[in-house]
Amino acid sequence: MKKLKNRISAVMALMLAGTILASASTPIPNNPVNEKANDKKVEEALVYDEAYLEEIDAYVEQYLAENIVQFQEVDFVKVYDSNQELLVEGEKSSLGEDQLRLLRQADLLSELNGTAYYQINN
């Protein structure tokens, strides 16, 4: 599950980088500057420099390195009923059938320090 979430984050980051790069290289339609295509200065202004694109790549890589979230895998669960009474407590892998059934019926409240807290609302 942890690897899947990391891969999803990486794919989203790559899509963001691709979107930024594609938008940086796309000329703006209906721009009066584009209508003056014969003007040498205008053509030079529309050409993107390789150094500029490399700078954008560097910013994107830096952003991704700083902002990719590492997901913590939850191993321990606690399930409470609507009266705040503890019904199930333990590691997910060691729960019995009845305990797993209660866990599936419960709503996730929060996750903190490797423990997931659930509540069953009847």
PDB file of N, CA and C in Angstrom:
ATOM      1  N   MET A   1       0.823  -1.179   0.000  1.00  0.00           N
ATOM      2  CA  MET A   1       0.000   0.000   0.000  1.00  0.00           C
ATOM      3  C   MET A   1       0.873   1.250   0.000  1.00  0.00           C
ATOM      4  N   LYS A   2       1.962   1.195   0.760  1.00  0.00           N
ATOM      5  CA  LYS A   2       2.861   2.336   0.856  1.00  0.00           C
ATOM      6  C   LYS A   2       3.516   2.608  -0.495  1.00  0.00           C
ATOM      7  N   LYS A   3       3.923   1.536  -1.168  1.00  0.00           N
ATOM      8  CA  LYS A   3       4.559   1.701  -2.471  1.00  0.00           C
ATOM      9  C   LYS A   3       3.576   2.263  -3.489  1.00  0.00           C
ATOM     10  N   LEU A   4       2.323   1.821  -3.407  1.00  0.00           N
ATOM     11  CA  LEU A   4       1.305   2.314  -4.329  1.00  0.00           C
ATOM     12  C   LEU A   4       1.083   3.812  -4.131  1.00  0.00           C
ATOM     13  N   LYS A   5       0.995   4.259  -2.900  1.00  0.00           N
ATOM     14  CA  LYS A   5       0.804   5.682  -2.623  1.00  0.00           C
ATOM     15  C   LYS A   5       2.005   6.488  -3.084  1.00  0.00           C
ATOM     16  N   ASN A   6       3.211   5.959  -2.896  1.00  0.00           N
ATOM     17  CA  ASN A   6       4.411   6.660  -3.355  1.00  0.00           C
ATOM     18  C   ASN A   6       4.418   6.755  -4.876  1.00  0.00           C
ATOM     19  N   ARG A   7       3.993   5.686  -5.544  1.00  0.00           N
ATOM     20  CA  ARG A   7       3.954   5.711  -7.002  1.00  0.00           C
ATOM     21  C   ARG A   7       2.914   6.699  -7.507  1.00  0.00           C
ATOM     22  N   ILE A   8       1.772   6.753  -6.828  1.00  0.00           N
ATOM     23  CA  ILE A   8       0.734   7.709  -7.220  1.00  0.00           C
ATOM     24  C   ILE A   8       1.251   9.134  -7.049  1.00  0.00           C
ATOM     25  N   SER A   9       1.962   9.402  -5.956  1.00  0.00           N
ATOM     26  CA  SER A   9       2.537  10.727  -5.733  1.00  0.00           C
ATOM     27  C   SER A   9       3.557  11.064  -6.817  1.00  0.00           C
ATOM     28  N   ALA A  10       4.366  10.081  -7.172  1.00  0.00           N
ATOM     29  CA  ALA A  10       5.379  10.310  -8.194  1.00  0.00           C
ATOM     30  C   ALA A  10       4.736  10.573  -9.553  1.00  0.00           C
ATOM     31  N   VAL A  11       3.687   9.828  -9.881  1.00  0.00           N
ATOM     32  CA  VAL A  11       2.995  10.033 -11.158  1.00  0.00           C
ATOM     33  C   VAL A  11       2.357  11.414 -11.193  1.00  0.00           C
ATOM     34  N   MET A  12       1.734  11.817 -10.097  1.00  0.00           N
ATOM     35  CA  MET A  12       1.116  13.147 -10.037  1.00  0.00           C
ATOM     36  C   MET A  12       2.176  14.234 -10.187  1.00  0.00           C
ATOM     37  N   ALA A  13       3.327  14.043  -9.569  1.00  0.00           N
ATOM     38  CA  ALA A  13       4.409  15.023  -9.671  1.00  0.00           C
ATOM     39  C   ALA A  13       4.927  15.111 -11.105  1.00  0.00           C
ATOM     40  N   LEU A  14       5.057  13.971 -11.764  1.00  0.00           N
ATOM     41  CA  LEU A  14       5.504  13.977 -13.154  1.00  0.00           C
ATOM     42  C   LEU A  14       4.477  14.640 -14.062  1.00  0.00           C
ATOM     43  N   MET A  15       3.199  14.424 -13.785  1.00  0.00           N
ATOM     44  CA  MET A  15       2.164  15.079 -14.580  1.00  0.00           C
ATOM     45  C   MET A  15       2.208  16.590 -14.376  1.00  0.00           C
ATOM     46  N   LEU A  16       2.469  17.031 -13.154  1.00  0.00           N
ATOM     47  CA  LEU A  16       2.605  18.454 -12.871  1.00  0.00           C
ATOM     48  C   LEU A  16       3.799  19.032 -13.625  1.00  0.00           C
ATOM     49  N   ALA A  17       4.914  18.324 -13.611  1.00  0.00           N
ATOM     50  CA  ALA A  17       6.105  18.788 -14.320  1.00  0.00           C
ATOM     51  C   ALA A  17       5.847  18.849 -15.822  1.00  0.00           C
ATOM     52  N   GLY A  18       5.173  17.849 -16.361  1.00  0.00           N
ATOM     53  CA  GLY A  18       4.856  17.851 -17.789  1.00  0.00           C
ATOM     54  C   GLY A  18       3.928  18.990 -18.159  1.00  0.00           C
ATOM     55  N   THR A  19       2.970  19.275 -17.297  1.00  0.00           N
ATOM     56  CA  THR A  19       2.055  20.379 -17.551  1.00  0.00           C
ATOM     57  C   THR A  19       2.789  21.708 -17.551  1.00  0.00           C
ATOM     58  N   ILE A  20       3.682  21.894 -16.618  1.00  0.00           N
ATOM     59  CA  ILE A  20       4.461  23.139 -16.556  1.00  0.00           C
ATOM     60  C   ILE A  20       5.321  23.291 -17.797  1.00  0.00           C
ATOM     61  N   LEU A  21       5.990  22.222 -18.190  1.00  0.00           N
ATOM     62  CA  LEU A  21       6.857  22.301 -19.368  1.00  0.00           C
ATOM     63  C   LEU A  21       6.051  22.519 -20.645  1.00  0.00           C
ATOM     64  N   ALA A  22       4.907  21.861 -20.752  1.00  0.00           N
ATOM     65  CA  ALA A  22       4.075  22.033 -21.947  1.00  0.00           C
ATOM     66  C   ALA A  22       3.522  23.449 -22.027  1.00  0.00           C
ATOM     67  N   SER A  23       3.113  24.004 -20.893  1.00  0.00           N
ATOM     68  CA  SER A  23       2.569  25.358 -20.925  1.00  0.00           C
ATOM     69  C   SER A  23       3.654  26.392 -21.174  1.00  0.00           C
ATOM     70  N   ALA A  24       4.870  26.101 -20.777  1.00  0.00           N
ATOM     71  CA  ALA A  24       5.964  27.048 -21.011  1.00  0.00           C
ATOM     72  C   ALA A  24       6.354  27.097 -22.483  1.00  0.00           C
ATOM     73  N   SER A  25       6.156  26.020 -23.202  1.00  0.00           N
ATOM     74  CA  SER A  25       6.579  25.987 -24.595  1.00  0.00           C
ATOM     75  C   SER A  25       5.442  26.261 -25.583  1.00  0.00           C
ATOM     76  N   THR A  26       4.222  26.459 -25.092  1.00  0.00           N
ATOM     77  CA  THR A  26       3.072  26.689 -25.966  1.00  0.00           C
ATOM     78  C   THR A  26       2.885  28.180 -26.210  1.00  0.00           C
ATOM     79  N   PRO A  27       2.852  28.617 -27.503  1.00  0.00           N
ATOM     80  CA  PRO A  27       2.598  30.034 -27.760  1.00  0.00           C
ATOM     81  C   PRO A  27       1.149  30.389 -27.424  1.00  0.00           C
ATOM     82  N   ILE A  28       0.931  31.616 -27.049  1.00  0.00           N
ATOM     83  CA  ILE A  28      -0.398  32.073 -26.658  1.00  0.00           C
ATOM     84  C   ILE A  28      -1.206  32.388 -27.912  1.00  0.00           C
ATOM     85  N   PRO A  29      -2.396  31.756 -28.113  1.00  0.00           N
ATOM     86  CA  PRO A  29      -3.210  32.049 -29.290  1.00  0.00           C
ATOM     87  C   PRO A  29      -3.836  33.439 -29.171  1.00  0.00           C
ATOM     88  N   ASN A  30      -4.121  34.042 -30.330  1.00  0.00           N
ATOM     89  CA  ASN A  30      -4.731  35.368 -30.418  1.00  0.00           C
ATOM     90  C   ASN A  30      -3.920  36.440 -29.710  1.00  0.00           C
ATOM     91  N   ASN A  31      -2.636  36.243 -29.634  1.00  0.00           N
ATOM     92  CA  ASN A  31      -1.754  37.233 -29.050  1.00  0.00           C
ATOM     93  C   ASN A  31      -1.297  38.177 -30.156  1.00  0.00           C
ATOM     94  N   PRO A  32      -1.436  39.484 -29.977  1.00  0.00           N
ATOM     95  CA  PRO A  32      -1.024  40.403 -31.042  1.00  0.00           C
ATOM     96  C   PRO A  32       0.457  40.260 -31.391  1.00  0.00           C
ATOM     97  N   VAL A  33       1.233  39.766 -30.455  1.00  0.00           N
ATOM     98  CA  VAL A  33       2.654  39.559 -30.757  1.00  0.00           C
ATOM     99  C   VAL A  33       2.811  38.466 -31.801  1.00  0.00           C
ATOM    100  N   ASN A  34       1.949  37.427 -31.776  1.00  0.00           N
ATOM    101  CA  ASN A  34       2.024  36.330 -32.730  1.00  0.00           C
ATOM    102  C   ASN A  34       1.647  36.776 -34.136  1.00  0.00           C
ATOM    103  N   GLU A  35       0.832  37.827 -34.287  1.00  0.00           N
ATOM    104  CA  GLU A  35       0.419  38.300 -35.596  1.00  0.00           C
ATOM    105  C   GLU A  35       1.559  38.973 -36.341  1.00  0.00           C
ATOM    106  N   LYS A  36       2.567  39.433 -35.646  1.00  0.00           N
ATOM    107  CA  LYS A  36       3.703  40.096 -36.269  1.00  0.00           C
ATOM    108  C   LYS A  36       4.844  39.092 -36.465  1.00  0.00           C
ATOM    109  N   ALA A  37       4.556  37.998 -37.107  1.00  0.00           N
ATOM    110  CA  ALA A  37       5.531  36.921 -37.257  1.00  0.00           C
ATOM    111  C   ALA A  37       6.728  37.327 -38.094  1.00  0.00           C
ATOM    112  N   ASN A  38       6.579  38.319 -38.952  1.00  0.00           N
ATOM    113  CA  ASN A  38       7.688  38.739 -39.800  1.00  0.00           C
ATOM    114  C   ASN A  38       8.695  39.596 -39.056  1.00  0.00           C
ATOM    115  N   ASP A  39       8.338  40.127 -37.956  1.00  0.00           N
ATOM    116  CA  ASP A  39       9.237  40.972 -37.187  1.00  0.00           C
ATOM    117  C   ASP A  39      10.287  40.105 -36.502  1.00  0.00           C
ATOM    118  N   LYS A  40      11.538  40.366 -36.750  1.00  0.00           N
ATOM    119  CA  LYS A  40      12.647  39.551 -36.247  1.00  0.00           C
ATOM    120  C   LYS A  40      12.716  39.568 -34.717  1.00  0.00           C
ATOM    121  N   LYS A  41      12.466  40.724 -34.119  1.00  0.00           N
ATOM    122  CA  LYS A  41      12.529  40.828 -32.662  1.00  0.00           C
ATOM    123  C   LYS A  41      11.436  39.992 -31.990  1.00  0.00           C
ATOM    124  N   VAL A  42      10.256  39.973 -32.594  1.00  0.00           N
ATOM    125  CA  VAL A  42       9.156  39.206 -32.028  1.00  0.00           C
ATOM    126  C   VAL A  42       9.468  37.715 -32.097  1.00  0.00           C
ATOM    127  N   GLU A  43      10.028  37.262 -33.206  1.00  0.00           N
ATOM    128  CA  GLU A  43      10.385  35.852 -33.344  1.00  0.00           C
ATOM    129  C   GLU A  43      11.429  35.449 -32.313  1.00  0.00           C
ATOM    130  N   GLU A  44      12.393  36.312 -32.069  1.00  0.00           N
ATOM    131  CA  GLU A  44      13.419  35.997 -31.084  1.00  0.00           C
ATOM    132  C   GLU A  44      12.826  35.955 -29.675  1.00  0.00           C
ATOM    133  N   ALA A  45      11.820  36.788 -29.414  1.00  0.00           N
ATOM    134  CA  ALA A  45      11.196  36.806 -28.097  1.00  0.00           C
ATOM    135  C   ALA A  45      10.390  35.544 -27.845  1.00  0.00           C
ATOM    136  N   LEU A  46       9.832  34.920 -28.889  1.00  0.00           N
ATOM    137  CA  LEU A  46       9.012  33.732 -28.732  1.00  0.00           C
ATOM    138  C   LEU A  46       9.823  32.442 -28.631  1.00  0.00           C
ATOM    139  N   VAL A  47      11.063  32.465 -29.016  1.00  0.00           N
ATOM    140  CA  VAL A  47      11.906  31.277 -28.958  1.00  0.00           C
ATOM    141  C   VAL A  47      12.386  31.088 -27.521  1.00  0.00           C
ATOM    142  N   TYR A  48      12.115  29.915 -26.994  1.00  0.00           N
ATOM    143  CA  TYR A  48      12.522  29.632 -25.622  1.00  0.00           C
ATOM    144  C   TYR A  48      13.934  29.101 -25.610  1.00  0.00           C
ATOM    145  N   ASP A  49      14.678  29.592 -24.700  1.00  0.00           N
ATOM    146  CA  ASP A  49      16.085  29.253 -24.563  1.00  0.00           C
ATOM    147  C   ASP A  49      16.222  27.926 -23.819  1.00  0.00           C
ATOM    148  N   GLU A  50      17.194  27.119 -24.197  1.00  0.00           N
ATOM    149  CA  GLU A  50      17.435  25.847 -23.513  1.00  0.00           C
ATOM    150  C   GLU A  50      17.794  26.071 -22.047  1.00  0.00           C
ATOM    151  N   ALA A  51      18.517  27.124 -21.765  1.00  0.00           N
ATOM    152  CA  ALA A  51      18.886  27.418 -20.383  1.00  0.00           C
ATOM    153  C   ALA A  51      17.643  27.712 -19.548  1.00  0.00           C
ATOM    154  N   TYR A  52      16.670  28.387 -20.157  1.00  0.00           N
ATOM    155  CA  TYR A  52      15.408  28.687 -19.461  1.00  0.00           C
ATOM    156  C   TYR A  52      14.655  27.401 -19.134  1.00  0.00           C
ATOM    157  N   LEU A  53      14.578  26.487 -20.113  1.00  0.00           N
ATOM    158  CA  LEU A  53      13.897  25.216 -19.877  1.00  0.00           C
ATOM    159  C   LEU A  53      14.622  24.373 -18.830  1.00  0.00           C
ATOM    160  N   GLU A  54      15.945  24.417 -18.832  1.00  0.00           N
ATOM    161  CA  GLU A  54      16.703  23.686 -17.816  1.00  0.00           C
ATOM    162  C   GLU A  54      16.466  24.281 -16.429  1.00  0.00           C
ATOM    163  N   GLU A  55      16.322  25.607 -16.380  1.00  0.00           N
ATOM    164  CA  GLU A  55      16.040  26.263 -15.109  1.00  0.00           C
ATOM    165  C   GLU A  55      14.665  25.834 -14.577  1.00  0.00           C
ATOM    166  N   ILE A  56      13.688  25.737 -15.471  1.00  0.00           N
ATOM    167  CA  ILE A  56      12.361  25.270 -15.066  1.00  0.00           C
ATOM    168  C   ILE A  56      12.447  23.831 -14.561  1.00  0.00           C
ATOM    169  N   ASP A  57      13.187  22.978 -15.269  1.00  0.00           N
ATOM    170  CA  ASP A  57      13.370  21.591 -14.827  1.00  0.00           C
ATOM    171  C   ASP A  57      13.990  21.540 -13.431  1.00  0.00           C
ATOM    172  N   ALA A  58      14.975  22.388 -13.185  1.00  0.00           N
ATOM    173  CA  ALA A  58      15.629  22.412 -11.875  1.00  0.00           C
ATOM    174  C   ALA A  58      14.651  22.818 -10.780  1.00  0.00           C
ATOM    175  N   TYR A  59      13.805  23.830 -11.069  1.00  0.00           N
ATOM    176  CA  TYR A  59      12.801  24.247 -10.085  1.00  0.00           C
ATOM    177  C   TYR A  59      11.798  23.127  -9.807  1.00  0.00           C
ATOM    178  N   VAL A  60      11.373  22.441 -10.853  1.00  0.00           N
ATOM    179  CA  VAL A  60      10.409  21.353 -10.689  1.00  0.00           C
ATOM    180  C   VAL A  60      11.028  20.222  -9.869  1.00  0.00           C
ATOM    181  N   GLU A  61      12.252  19.848 -10.169  1.00  0.00           N
ATOM    182  CA  GLU A  61      12.912  18.782  -9.411  1.00  0.00           C
ATOM    183  C   GLU A  61      13.096  19.167  -7.953  1.00  0.00           C
ATOM    184  N   GLN A  62      13.445  20.429  -7.696  1.00  0.00           N
ATOM    185  CA  GLN A  62      13.609  20.895  -6.324  1.00  0.00           C
ATOM    186  C   GLN A  62      12.274  20.855  -5.587  1.00  0.00           C
ATOM    187  N   TYR A  63      11.215  21.287  -6.258  1.00  0.00           N
ATOM    188  CA  TYR A  63       9.884  21.263  -5.646  1.00  0.00           C
ATOM    189  C   TYR A  63       9.478  19.835  -5.308  1.00  0.00           C
ATOM    190  N   LEU A  64       9.703  18.913  -6.239  1.00  0.00           N
ATOM    191  CA  LEU A  64       9.329  17.520  -6.006  1.00  0.00           C
ATOM    192  C   LEU A  64      10.125  16.910  -4.861  1.00  0.00           C
ATOM    193  N   ALA A  65      11.398  17.234  -4.790  1.00  0.00           N
ATOM    194  CA  ALA A  65      12.242  16.687  -3.734  1.00  0.00           C
ATOM    195  C   ALA A  65      11.790  17.186  -2.360  1.00  0.00           C
ATOM    196  N   GLU A  66      11.298  18.429  -2.294  1.00  0.00           N
ATOM    197  CA  GLU A  66      10.899  18.998  -1.012  1.00  0.00           C
ATOM    198  C   GLU A  66       9.474  18.628  -0.608  1.00  0.00           C
ATOM    199  N   ASN A  67       8.599  18.327  -1.587  1.00  0.00           N
ATOM    200  CA  ASN A  67       7.177  18.217  -1.283  1.00  0.00           C
ATOM    201  C   ASN A  67       6.556  16.844  -1.476  1.00  0.00           C
ATOM    202  N   ILE A  68       7.310  15.843  -1.846  1.00  0.00           N
ATOM    203  CA  ILE A  68       6.727  14.510  -1.946  1.00  0.00           C
ATOM    204  C   ILE A  68       6.541  13.970  -0.537  1.00  0.00           C
ATOM    205  N   VAL A  69       5.328  13.571  -0.251  1.00  0.00           N
ATOM    206  CA  VAL A  69       4.957  13.121   1.083  1.00  0.00           C
ATOM    207  C   VAL A  69       5.246  11.626   1.214  1.00  0.00           C
ATOM    208  N   GLN A  70       5.884  11.273   2.291  1.00  0.00           N
ATOM    209  CA  GLN A  70       6.110   9.866   2.591  1.00  0.00           C
ATOM    210  C   GLN A  70       4.951   9.394   3.457  1.00  0.00           C
ATOM    211  N   PHE A  71       4.233   8.393   2.989  1.00  0.00           N
ATOM    212  CA  PHE A  71       3.086   7.890   3.720  1.00  0.00           C
ATOM    213  C   PHE A  71       3.538   6.851   4.735  1.00  0.00           C
ATOM    214  N   GLN A  72       2.995   6.966   5.927  1.00  0.00           N
ATOM    215  CA  GLN A  72       3.321   6.026   6.985  1.00  0.00           C
ATOM    216  C   GLN A  72       2.292   4.902   6.974  1.00  0.00           C
ATOM    217  N   GLU A  73       2.770   3.684   6.969  1.00  0.00           N
ATOM    218  CA  GLU A  73       1.865   2.544   6.943  1.00  0.00           C
ATOM    219  C   GLU A  73       1.294   2.300   8.332  1.00  0.00           C
ATOM    220  N   VAL A  74      -0.012   2.124   8.376  1.00  0.00           N
ATOM    221  CA  VAL A  74      -0.702   1.913   9.644  1.00  0.00           C
ATOM    222  C   VAL A  74      -0.767   0.410   9.926  1.00  0.00           C
ATOM    223  N   ASP A  75      -0.249   0.001  11.080  1.00  0.00           N
ATOM    224  CA  ASP A  75      -0.251  -1.405  11.462  1.00  0.00           C
ATOM    225  C   ASP A  75      -1.225  -1.694  12.601  1.00  0.00           C
ATOM    226  N   PHE A  76      -1.468  -0.734  13.446  1.00  0.00           N
ATOM    227  CA  PHE A  76      -2.257  -0.933  14.655  1.00  0.00           C
ATOM    228  C   PHE A  76      -3.583  -0.198  14.509  1.00  0.00           C
ATOM    229  N   VAL A  77      -4.686  -0.839  14.887  1.00  0.00           N
ATOM    230  CA  VAL A  77      -6.010  -0.224  14.756  1.00  0.00           C
ATOM    231  C   VAL A  77      -6.759  -0.286  16.089  1.00  0.00           C
ATOM    232  N   LYS A  78      -7.615   0.717  16.263  1.00  0.00           N
ATOM    233  CA  LYS A  78      -8.526   0.749  17.402  1.00  0.00           C
ATOM    234  C   LYS A  78      -9.891   1.129  16.853  1.00  0.00           C
ATOM    235  N   VAL A  79     -10.901   0.333  17.220  1.00  0.00           N
ATOM    236  CA  VAL A  79     -12.269   0.566  16.751  1.00  0.00           C
ATOM    237  C   VAL A  79     -13.154   0.815  17.969  1.00  0.00           C
ATOM    238  N   TYR A  80     -13.880   1.925  17.923  1.00  0.00           N
ATOM    239  CA  TYR A  80     -14.784   2.307  19.012  1.00  0.00           C
ATOM    240  C   TYR A  80     -16.221   2.281  18.512  1.00  0.00           C
ATOM    241  N   ASP A  81     -17.161   2.102  19.451  1.00  0.00           N
ATOM    242  CA  ASP A  81     -18.570   2.192  19.072  1.00  0.00           C
ATOM    243  C   ASP A  81     -19.039   3.635  19.267  1.00  0.00           C
ATOM    244  N   SER A  82     -20.336   3.875  19.067  1.00  0.00           N
ATOM    245  CA  SER A  82     -20.857   5.239  19.157  1.00  0.00           C
ATOM    246  C   SER A  82     -20.834   5.788  20.586  1.00  0.00           C
ATOM    247  N   ASN A  83     -20.649   4.918  21.582  1.00  0.00           N
ATOM    248  CA  ASN A  83     -20.550   5.342  22.988  1.00  0.00           C
ATOM    249  C   ASN A  83     -19.105   5.476  23.446  1.00  0.00           C
ATOM    250  N   GLN A  84     -18.188   5.501  22.516  1.00  0.00           N
ATOM    251  CA  GLN A  84     -16.753   5.639  22.792  1.00  0.00           C
ATOM    252  C   GLN A  84     -16.181   4.460  23.579  1.00  0.00           C
ATOM    253  N   GLU A  85     -16.773   3.283  23.423  1.00  0.00           N
ATOM    254  CA  GLU A  85     -16.259   2.080  24.064  1.00  0.00           C
ATOM    255  C   GLU A  85     -15.385   1.330  23.061  1.00  0.00           C
ATOM    256  N   LEU A  86     -14.232   0.885  23.519  1.00  0.00           N
ATOM    257  CA  LEU A  86     -13.289   0.182  22.663  1.00  0.00           C
ATOM    258  C   LEU A  86     -13.816  -1.205  22.330  1.00  0.00           C
ATOM    259  N   LEU A  87     -13.956  -1.498  21.031  1.00  0.00           N
ATOM    260  CA  LEU A  87     -14.440  -2.806  20.584  1.00  0.00           C
ATOM    261  C   LEU A  87     -13.313  -3.690  20.073  1.00  0.00           C
ATOM    262  N   VAL A  88     -12.394  -3.092  19.316  1.00  0.00           N
ATOM    263  CA  VAL A  88     -11.307  -3.856  18.697  1.00  0.00           C
ATOM    264  C   VAL A  88     -10.011  -3.079  18.891  1.00  0.00           C
ATOM    265  N   GLU A  89      -8.960  -3.817  19.244  1.00  0.00           N
ATOM    266  CA  GLU A  89      -7.642  -3.215  19.370  1.00  0.00           C
ATOM    267  C   GLU A  89      -6.617  -4.261  18.976  1.00  0.00           C
ATOM    268  N   GLY A  90      -5.691  -3.895  18.113  1.00  0.00           N
ATOM    269  CA  GLY A  90      -4.637  -4.825  17.739  1.00  0.00           C
ATOM    270  C   GLY A  90      -4.057  -4.527  16.377  1.00  0.00           C
ATOM    271  N   GLU A  91      -3.102  -5.354  15.980  1.00  0.00           N
ATOM    272  CA  GLU A  91      -2.487  -5.214  14.663  1.00  0.00           C
ATOM    273  C   GLU A  91      -3.447  -5.739  13.610  1.00  0.00           C
ATOM    274  N   LYS A  92      -3.447  -5.084  12.452  1.00  0.00           N
ATOM    275  CA  LYS A  92      -4.363  -5.497  11.386  1.00  0.00           C
ATOM    276  C   LYS A  92      -4.153  -6.949  10.987  1.00  0.00           C
ATOM    277  N   SER A  93      -2.912  -7.366  10.928  1.00  0.00           N
ATOM    278  CA  SER A  93      -2.603  -8.709  10.451  1.00  0.00           C
ATOM    279  C   SER A  93      -3.028  -9.803  11.427  1.00  0.00           C
ATOM    280  N   SER A  94      -3.251  -9.450  12.700  1.00  0.00           N
ATOM    281  CA  SER A  94      -3.594 -10.479  13.682  1.00  0.00           C
ATOM    282  C   SER A  94      -5.058 -10.436  14.110  1.00  0.00           C
ATOM    283  N   LEU A  95      -5.901  -9.673  13.422  1.00  0.00           N
ATOM    284  CA  LEU A  95      -7.313  -9.587  13.796  1.00  0.00           C
ATOM    285  C   LEU A  95      -8.077 -10.809  13.306  1.00  0.00           C
ATOM    286  N   GLY A  96      -9.059 -11.227  14.108  1.00  0.00           N
ATOM    287  CA  GLY A  96      -9.919 -12.346  13.738  1.00  0.00           C
ATOM    288  C   GLY A  96     -11.008 -11.901  12.770  1.00  0.00           C
ATOM    289  N   GLU A  97     -11.827 -12.859  12.329  1.00  0.00           N
ATOM    290  CA  GLU A  97     -12.880 -12.563  11.355  1.00  0.00           C
ATOM    291  C   GLU A  97     -13.898 -11.572  11.894  1.00  0.00           C
ATOM    292  N   ASP A  98     -14.339 -11.761  13.128  1.00  0.00           N
ATOM    293  CA  ASP A  98     -15.321 -10.849  13.719  1.00  0.00           C
ATOM    294  C   ASP A  98     -14.743  -9.445  13.873  1.00  0.00           C
ATOM    295  N   GLN A  99     -13.488  -9.375  14.265  1.00  0.00           N
ATOM    296  CA  GLN A  99     -12.847  -8.075  14.425  1.00  0.00           C
ATOM    297  C   GLN A  99     -12.673  -7.377  13.079  1.00  0.00           C
ATOM    298  N   LEU A 100     -12.319  -8.132  12.035  1.00  0.00           N
ATOM    299  CA  LEU A 100     -12.188  -7.554  10.697  1.00  0.00           C
ATOM    300  C   LEU A 100     -13.541  -7.069  10.174  1.00  0.00           C
ATOM    301  N   ARG A 101     -14.598  -7.798  10.494  1.00  0.00           N
ATOM    302  CA  ARG A 101     -15.942  -7.389  10.075  1.00  0.00           C
ATOM    303  C   ARG A 101     -16.297  -6.048  10.712  1.00  0.00           C
ATOM    304  N   LEU A 102     -15.999  -5.900  12.005  1.00  0.00           N
ATOM    305  CA  LEU A 102     -16.254  -4.629  12.688  1.00  0.00           C
ATOM    306  C   LEU A 102     -15.401  -3.503  12.105  1.00  0.00           C
ATOM    307  N   LEU A 103     -14.157  -3.814  11.783  1.00  0.00           N
ATOM    308  CA  LEU A 103     -13.268  -2.812  11.193  1.00  0.00           C
ATOM    309  C   LEU A 103     -13.805  -2.321   9.850  1.00  0.00           C
ATOM    310  N   ARG A 104     -14.330  -3.235   9.040  1.00  0.00           N
ATOM    311  CA  ARG A 104     -14.869  -2.850   7.731  1.00  0.00           C
ATOM    312  C   ARG A 104     -16.126  -1.998   7.851  1.00  0.00           C
ATOM    313  N   GLN A 105     -16.862  -2.171   8.940  1.00  0.00           N
ATOM    314  CA  GLN A 105     -18.085  -1.396   9.152  1.00  0.00           C
ATOM    315  C   GLN A 105     -17.796   0.002   9.701  1.00  0.00           C
ATOM    316  N   ALA A 106     -16.627   0.189  10.254  1.00  0.00           N
ATOM    317  CA  ALA A 106     -16.294   1.439  10.936  1.00  0.00           C
ATOM    318  C   ALA A 106     -15.797   2.503   9.952  1.00  0.00           C
ATOM    319  N   ASP A 107     -15.933   3.743  10.386  1.00  0.00           N
ATOM    320  CA  ASP A 107     -15.443   4.900   9.632  1.00  0.00           C
ATOM    321  C   ASP A 107     -14.115   5.344  10.232  1.00  0.00           C
ATOM    322  N   LEU A 108     -13.169   5.675   9.356  1.00  0.00           N
ATOM    323  CA  LEU A 108     -11.858   6.139   9.805  1.00  0.00           C
ATOM    324  C   LEU A 108     -11.988   7.538  10.393  1.00  0.00           C
ATOM    325  N   LEU A 109     -11.497   7.704  11.622  1.00  0.00           N
ATOM    326  CA  LEU A 109     -11.497   9.017  12.269  1.00  0.00           C
ATOM    327  C   LEU A 109     -10.180   9.739  12.031  1.00  0.00           C
ATOM    328  N   SER A 110      -9.073   9.051  12.333  1.00  0.00           N
ATOM    329  CA  SER A 110      -7.757   9.663  12.135  1.00  0.00           C
ATOM    330  C   SER A 110      -6.673   8.594  12.201  1.00  0.00           C
ATOM    331  N   GLU A 111      -5.494   8.999  11.771  1.00  0.00           N
ATOM    332  CA  GLU A 111      -4.304   8.156  11.849  1.00  0.00           C
ATOM    333  C   GLU A 111      -3.226   8.966  12.547  1.00  0.00           C
ATOM    334  N   LEU A 112      -2.588   8.364  13.545  1.00  0.00           N
ATOM    335  CA  LEU A 112      -1.581   9.072  14.306  1.00  0.00           C
ATOM    336  C   LEU A 112      -0.527   8.091  14.790  1.00  0.00           C
ATOM    337  N   ASN A 113       0.719   8.342  14.460  1.00  0.00           N
ATOM    338  CA  ASN A 113       1.850   7.538  14.921  1.00  0.00           C
ATOM    339  C   ASN A 113       1.669   6.045  14.667  1.00  0.00           C
ATOM    340  N   GLY A 114       1.209   5.694  13.485  1.00  0.00           N
ATOM    341  CA  GLY A 114       1.079   4.292  13.110  1.00  0.00           C
ATOM    342  C   GLY A 114      -0.172   3.614  13.630  1.00  0.00           C
ATOM    343  N   THR A 115      -1.066   4.360  14.284  1.00  0.00           N
ATOM    344  CA  THR A 115      -2.316   3.802  14.798  1.00  0.00           C
ATOM    345  C   THR A 115      -3.485   4.477  14.097  1.00  0.00           C
ATOM    346  N   ALA A 116      -4.414   3.663  13.592  1.00  0.00           N
ATOM    347  CA  ALA A 116      -5.616   4.189  12.938  1.00  0.00           C
ATOM    348  C   ALA A 116      -6.789   4.041  13.904  1.00  0.00           C
ATOM    349  N   TYR A 117      -7.559   5.115  14.052  1.00  0.00           N
ATOM    350  CA  TYR A 117      -8.704   5.137  14.953  1.00  0.00           C
ATOM    351  C   TYR A 117      -9.983   5.135  14.134  1.00  0.00           C
ATOM    352  N   TYR A 118     -10.875   4.196  14.440  1.00  0.00           N
ATOM    353  CA  TYR A 118     -12.134   4.019  13.720  1.00  0.00           C
ATOM    354  C   TYR A 118     -13.293   4.126  14.716  1.00  0.00           C
ATOM    355  N   GLN A 119     -14.487   4.454  14.165  1.00  0.00           N
ATOM    356  CA  GLN A 119     -15.684   4.483  14.987  1.00  0.00           C
ATOM    357  C   GLN A 119     -16.846   3.911  14.188  1.00  0.00           C
ATOM    358  N   ILE A 120     -17.643   3.091  14.867  1.00  0.00           N
ATOM    359  CA  ILE A 120     -18.843   2.534  14.267  1.00  0.00           C
ATOM    360  C   ILE A 120     -20.017   3.402  14.696  1.00  0.00           C
ATOM    361  N   ASN A 121     -20.721   3.973  13.741  1.00  0.00           N
ATOM    362  CA  ASN A 121     -21.879   4.815  14.031  1.00  0.00           C
ATOM    363  C   ASN A 121     -23.135   4.074  13.607  1.00  0.00           C
ATOM    364  N   ASN A 122     -23.949   3.688  14.566  1.00  0.00           N
ATOM    365  CA  ASN A 122     -25.192   2.957  14.276  1.00  0.00           C
ATOM    366  C   ASN A 122     -26.372   3.891  14.273  1.00  0.00           C
TER     367      ASN A 122
END
